[in-house]
Amino acid sequence: MATHFQSVRLPFLGETMVCLLCHKTQTSDPSVESQWRAIQVSGKTFYACPAHFPPDGARVKAFEKAYYKFLRRALAVLRGEN
């Protein structure tokens, strides 16, 4: 059985990130921790700025809430909803 891997560009390597939730932009720098988040869904990378996510080490519930909102928005974009 053959396995097929989709070529996906790794995030945080100097690309322009656009927050899915507020449209803030920032160029990533692999040598600087920015607290931006990224998920890849269906070959597309979605970013969220630190204003929409708790900092590292925050409570699990805070991350669950943030990821739920972020993933819902990403899926809406993939379905063509604006």
Protein backbone atom coordinates (compact mmCIF):
# COMPACT_ATOMS: atom_id res chain seq x y z
CA MET A 1 0.00 0.00 0.00
CA ALA A 2 1.47 3.34 -1.06
CA THR A 3 1.49 6.28 1.29
CA HIS A 4 1.04 9.73 -0.19
CA PHE A 5 2.36 12.77 1.59
CA GLN A 6 1.24 16.24 0.67
CA SER A 7 4.04 18.77 0.42
CA VAL A 8 3.35 21.45 3.00
CA ARG A 9 5.64 24.38 3.71
CA LEU A 10 6.67 24.50 7.34
CA PRO A 11 5.46 27.59 9.20
CA PHE A 12 7.59 30.20 10.95
CA LEU A 13 10.42 30.24 8.42
CA GLY A 14 10.21 33.87 7.30
CA GLU A 15 6.76 34.01 5.73
CA THR A 16 4.20 36.74 6.22
CA MET A 17 1.66 35.54 8.76
CA VAL A 18 -1.88 36.91 8.67
CA CYS A 19 -4.06 36.29 11.70
CA LEU A 20 -7.17 34.39 10.71
CA LEU A 21 -9.20 36.17 13.37
CA CYS A 22 -8.14 39.84 13.21
CA HIS A 23 -5.99 40.06 10.04
CA LYS A 24 -2.94 41.40 11.90
CA THR A 25 0.22 40.69 9.89
CA GLN A 26 3.76 39.90 10.94
CA THR A 27 6.76 38.36 9.21
CA SER A 28 7.94 35.29 11.07
CA ASP A 29 11.52 34.93 12.18
CA PRO A 30 12.69 31.41 13.04
CA SER A 31 15.13 32.78 15.62
CA VAL A 32 12.49 34.79 17.54
CA GLU A 33 9.63 33.33 19.63
CA SER A 34 6.51 35.25 18.61
CA GLN A 35 3.73 33.30 20.36
CA TRP A 36 1.88 33.08 17.03
CA ARG A 37 0.09 29.77 16.42
CA ALA A 38 -0.34 27.88 13.17
CA ILE A 39 -2.39 24.93 12.03
CA GLN A 40 -2.33 23.22 8.66
CA VAL A 41 -5.63 21.92 7.31
CA SER A 42 -6.09 20.48 3.83
CA GLY A 43 -2.70 21.82 2.74
CA LYS A 44 -3.44 25.39 3.87
CA THR A 45 -1.72 27.09 6.81
CA PHE A 46 -3.76 29.31 9.11
CA TYR A 47 -2.20 31.64 11.68
CA ALA A 48 -3.41 33.24 14.89
CA CYS A 49 -1.68 36.14 16.61
CA PRO A 50 -0.97 36.19 20.37
CA ALA A 51 -4.04 38.38 21.02
CA HIS A 52 -6.24 35.34 20.32
CA PHE A 53 -4.32 32.68 22.27
CA PRO A 54 -3.23 32.38 25.85
CA PRO A 55 0.52 32.36 26.50
CA ASP A 56 2.48 29.14 26.78
CA GLY A 57 1.80 27.52 30.15
CA ALA A 58 -1.78 28.81 30.41
CA ARG A 59 -4.63 26.61 31.62
CA VAL A 60 -5.89 23.85 29.33
CA LYS A 61 -9.41 25.34 29.26
CA ALA A 62 -8.05 28.62 27.88
CA PHE A 63 -6.32 26.74 25.04
CA GLU A 64 -9.42 24.66 24.33
CA LYS A 65 -11.53 27.79 23.99
CA ALA A 66 -8.99 29.52 21.73
CA TYR A 67 -8.45 26.48 19.48
CA TYR A 68 -12.18 25.87 19.17
CA LYS A 69 -12.76 29.41 17.88
CA PHE A 70 -9.68 29.25 15.64
CA LEU A 71 -10.56 25.86 14.11
CA ARG A 72 -14.18 26.85 13.49
CA ARG A 73 -13.00 29.91 11.58
CA ALA A 74 -10.41 27.91 9.57
CA LEU A 75 -13.03 25.34 8.58
CA ALA A 76 -15.44 28.08 7.55
CA VAL A 77 -12.74 29.56 5.29
CA LEU A 78 -12.08 26.15 3.74
CA ARG A 79 -15.82 25.76 3.03
CA GLY A 80 -15.80 29.14 1.29
CA GLU A 81 -17.70 31.00 3.98
CA ASN A 82 -16.43 34.47 4.75
